[in-house]
């Protein structure tokens, strides 16, 4: 009886652990990675802008460079994770994967789907 109970508890813990591990699939990891890289690029561009202004360089030129860097980071992020009204998609192993939208919001007299 003790052994049955012990094996039942162990098997339940093992099954519960697998349930917790499996939802984090490759799509979620790719999306998280793209978001993390985007935020890191924006942070780095902001640091460079502040450093240029501190050094006394032309503020307008530094701001233009900062905006270009942020724009490039946003373009790269959108290339990796695309969001549309009907859902969102991302690149996985060189192939675009689409995910349908899952939530409806009401704004300005229209129903808008959120991803």
C-alpha atoms as a PDB file:
ATOM      1  CA  UNK A   1       0.000   0.000   0.000  1.00  0.00           C
ATOM      2  CA  UNK A   2       2.849   2.347   0.867  1.00  0.00           C
ATOM      3  CA  UNK A   3       4.547   1.680  -2.459  1.00  0.00           C
ATOM      4  CA  UNK A   4       1.379   2.290  -4.455  1.00  0.00           C
ATOM      5  CA  UNK A   5       0.852   5.604  -2.703  1.00  0.00           C
ATOM      6  CA  UNK A   6       4.492   6.590  -3.175  1.00  0.00           C
ATOM      7  CA  UNK A   7       4.471   5.718  -6.905  1.00  0.00           C
ATOM      8  CA  UNK A   8       1.150   7.514  -7.325  1.00  0.00           C
ATOM      9  CA  UNK A   9       2.543  10.689  -5.809  1.00  0.00           C
ATOM     10  CA  UNK A  10       5.709  10.492  -7.903  1.00  0.00           C
ATOM     11  CA  UNK A  11       3.797   9.832 -11.117  1.00  0.00           C
ATOM     12  CA  UNK A  12       1.387  12.690 -10.358  1.00  0.00           C
ATOM     13  CA  UNK A  13       4.290  15.059  -9.727  1.00  0.00           C
ATOM     14  CA  UNK A  14       5.959  13.934 -12.951  1.00  0.00           C
ATOM     15  CA  UNK A  15       2.759  14.396 -14.973  1.00  0.00           C
ATOM     16  CA  UNK A  16       2.096  17.800 -13.395  1.00  0.00           C
ATOM     17  CA  UNK A  17       5.659  18.867 -14.171  1.00  0.00           C
ATOM     18  CA  UNK A  18       5.229  17.881 -17.798  1.00  0.00           C
ATOM     19  CA  UNK A  19       1.992  19.844 -17.980  1.00  0.00           C
ATOM     20  CA  UNK A  20       3.793  22.914 -16.668  1.00  0.00           C
ATOM     21  CA  UNK A  21       6.675  22.542 -19.103  1.00  0.00           C
ATOM     22  CA  UNK A  22       4.807  21.848 -22.340  1.00  0.00           C
ATOM     23  CA  UNK A  23       2.832  25.119 -22.846  1.00  0.00           C
ATOM     24  CA  UNK A  24       6.045  27.080 -23.405  1.00  0.00           C
ATOM     25  CA  UNK A  25       6.430  26.085 -27.035  1.00  0.00           C
ATOM     26  CA  UNK A  26       8.778  27.449 -29.691  1.00  0.00           C
ATOM     27  CA  UNK A  27       6.357  30.148 -30.826  1.00  0.00           C
ATOM     28  CA  UNK A  28       6.208  31.779 -27.413  1.00  0.00           C
ATOM     29  CA  UNK A  29       9.979  31.599 -27.070  1.00  0.00           C
ATOM     30  CA  UNK A  30      10.472  33.191 -30.499  1.00  0.00           C
ATOM     31  CA  UNK A  31       8.050  35.987 -29.696  1.00  0.00           C
ATOM     32  CA  UNK A  32       9.712  36.624 -26.337  1.00  0.00           C
ATOM     33  CA  UNK A  33      13.158  36.604 -27.918  1.00  0.00           C
ATOM     34  CA  UNK A  34      12.087  39.125 -30.566  1.00  0.00           C
ATOM     35  CA  UNK A  35      10.562  41.400 -27.926  1.00  0.00           C
ATOM     36  CA  UNK A  36      13.665  41.171 -25.752  1.00  0.00           C
ATOM     37  CA  UNK A  37      15.952  42.016 -28.687  1.00  0.00           C
ATOM     38  CA  UNK A  38      13.752  44.971 -29.637  1.00  0.00           C
ATOM     39  CA  UNK A  39      13.812  46.404 -26.121  1.00  0.00           C
ATOM     40  CA  UNK A  40      17.558  45.873 -25.918  1.00  0.00           C
ATOM     41  CA  UNK A  41      18.108  47.709 -29.226  1.00  0.00           C
ATOM     42  CA  UNK A  42      15.960  50.635 -28.092  1.00  0.00           C
ATOM     43  CA  UNK A  43      17.819  50.817 -24.768  1.00  0.00           C
ATOM     44  CA  UNK A  44      21.148  50.799 -26.561  1.00  0.00           C
ATOM     45  CA  UNK A  45      20.028  53.569 -28.939  1.00  0.00           C
ATOM     46  CA  UNK A  46      18.855  55.666 -25.981  1.00  0.00           C
ATOM     47  CA  UNK A  47      22.216  55.168 -24.245  1.00  0.00           C
ATOM     48  CA  UNK A  48      24.081  56.264 -27.367  1.00  0.00           C
ATOM     49  CA  UNK A  49      21.895  59.350 -27.693  1.00  0.00           C
ATOM     50  CA  UNK A  50      22.485  60.363 -24.079  1.00  0.00           C
ATOM     51  CA  UNK A  51      26.232  59.760 -24.447  1.00  0.00           C
ATOM     52  CA  UNK A  52      26.369  61.914 -27.600  1.00  0.00           C
ATOM     53  CA  UNK A  53      24.468  64.750 -25.902  1.00  0.00           C
ATOM     54  CA  UNK A  54      26.723  64.548 -22.839  1.00  0.00           C
ATOM     55  CA  UNK A  55      29.808  64.776 -25.042  1.00  0.00           C
ATOM     56  CA  UNK A  56      28.480  68.010 -26.501  1.00  0.00           C
ATOM     57  CA  UNK A  57      27.785  66.783 -30.021  1.00  0.00           C
ATOM     58  CA  UNK A  58      25.077  68.340 -32.144  1.00  0.00           C
ATOM     59  CA  UNK A  59      21.796  67.561 -30.383  1.00  0.00           C
ATOM     60  CA  UNK A  60      19.760  67.581 -33.586  1.00  0.00           C
ATOM     61  CA  UNK A  61      22.123  65.147 -35.290  1.00  0.00           C
ATOM     62  CA  UNK A  62      22.179  62.891 -32.221  1.00  0.00           C
ATOM     63  CA  UNK A  63      18.362  62.901 -32.101  1.00  0.00           C
ATOM     64  CA  UNK A  64      18.185  62.033 -35.797  1.00  0.00           C
ATOM     65  CA  UNK A  65      20.557  59.127 -35.256  1.00  0.00           C
ATOM     66  CA  UNK A  66      18.541  57.968 -32.226  1.00  0.00           C
ATOM     67  CA  UNK A  67      15.306  58.019 -34.231  1.00  0.00           C
ATOM     68  CA  UNK A  68      16.948  56.068 -37.048  1.00  0.00           C
ATOM     69  CA  UNK A  69      18.186  53.439 -34.611  1.00  0.00           C
ATOM     70  CA  UNK A  70      14.744  53.084 -32.998  1.00  0.00           C
ATOM     71  CA  UNK A  71      13.101  52.904 -36.425  1.00  0.00           C
ATOM     72  CA  UNK A  72      15.500  50.174 -37.523  1.00  0.00           C
ATOM     73  CA  UNK A  73      14.883  48.232 -34.313  1.00  0.00           C
ATOM     74  CA  UNK A  74      11.125  48.502 -34.830  1.00  0.00           C
ATOM     75  CA  UNK A  75      11.447  47.328 -38.450  1.00  0.00           C
ATOM     76  CA  UNK A  76      13.490  44.335 -37.380  1.00  0.00           C
ATOM     77  CA  UNK A  77      10.957  43.511 -34.653  1.00  0.00           C
ATOM     78  CA  UNK A  78       8.050  43.748 -37.079  1.00  0.00           C
ATOM     79  CA  UNK A  79       9.966  41.526 -39.487  1.00  0.00           C
ATOM     80  CA  UNK A  80      10.225  38.930 -36.715  1.00  0.00           C
ATOM     81  CA  UNK A  81       6.758  39.409 -35.155  1.00  0.00           C
ATOM     82  CA  UNK A  82       3.963  40.843 -37.296  1.00  0.00           C
ATOM     83  CA  UNK A  83       0.693  41.924 -35.746  1.00  0.00           C
ATOM     84  CA  UNK A  84      -2.424  42.562 -37.802  1.00  0.00           C
ATOM     85  CA  UNK A  85      -6.137  42.977 -37.127  1.00  0.00           C
ATOM     86  CA  UNK A  86      -6.727  39.300 -37.800  1.00  0.00           C
ATOM     87  CA  UNK A  87      -3.883  37.945 -35.652  1.00  0.00           C
ATOM     88  CA  UNK A  88      -0.108  37.852 -35.427  1.00  0.00           C
ATOM     89  CA  UNK A  89       2.707  35.970 -37.052  1.00  0.00           C
ATOM     90  CA  UNK A  90       6.413  35.424 -36.520  1.00  0.00           C
ATOM     91  CA  UNK A  91       9.397  33.825 -38.236  1.00  0.00           C
ATOM     92  CA  UNK A  92      10.380  30.339 -37.105  1.00  0.00           C
ATOM     93  CA  UNK A  93      13.170  28.474 -38.924  1.00  0.00           C
ATOM     94  CA  UNK A  94      12.882  30.810 -41.896  1.00  0.00           C
ATOM     95  CA  UNK A  95       9.156  30.208 -42.258  1.00  0.00           C
ATOM     96  CA  UNK A  96       6.360  32.622 -41.299  1.00  0.00           C
ATOM     97  CA  UNK A  97       3.946  31.118 -38.749  1.00  0.00           C
ATOM     98  CA  UNK A  98       0.489  32.692 -38.308  1.00  0.00           C
ATOM     99  CA  UNK A  99      -1.541  32.710 -35.116  1.00  0.00           C
ATOM    100  CA  UNK A 100      -5.182  33.780 -35.148  1.00  0.00           C
ATOM    101  CA  UNK A 101      -6.455  36.541 -32.927  1.00  0.00           C
ATOM    102  CA  UNK A 102      -8.104  35.557 -29.692  1.00  0.00           C
ATOM    103  CA  UNK A 103      -9.819  38.595 -28.189  1.00  0.00           C
ATOM    104  CA  UNK A 104     -12.357  41.180 -29.350  1.00  0.00           C
ATOM    105  CA  UNK A 105     -12.355  44.798 -28.123  1.00  0.00           C
ATOM    106  CA  UNK A 106     -14.929  47.508 -28.756  1.00  0.00           C
ATOM    107  CA  UNK A 107     -13.396  50.861 -29.708  1.00  0.00           C
ATOM    108  CA  UNK A 108     -14.885  53.916 -31.379  1.00  0.00           C
ATOM    109  CA  UNK A 109     -17.970  52.038 -32.509  1.00  0.00           C
ATOM    110  CA  UNK A 110     -16.026  49.123 -33.982  1.00  0.00           C
ATOM    111  CA  UNK A 111     -15.209  45.634 -32.792  1.00  0.00           C
ATOM    112  CA  UNK A 112     -11.453  45.109 -33.102  1.00  0.00           C
ATOM    113  CA  UNK A 113      -9.753  41.756 -32.769  1.00  0.00           C
ATOM    114  CA  UNK A 114      -6.663  41.601 -30.575  1.00  0.00           C
ATOM    115  CA  UNK A 115      -3.989  38.948 -30.963  1.00  0.00           C
END
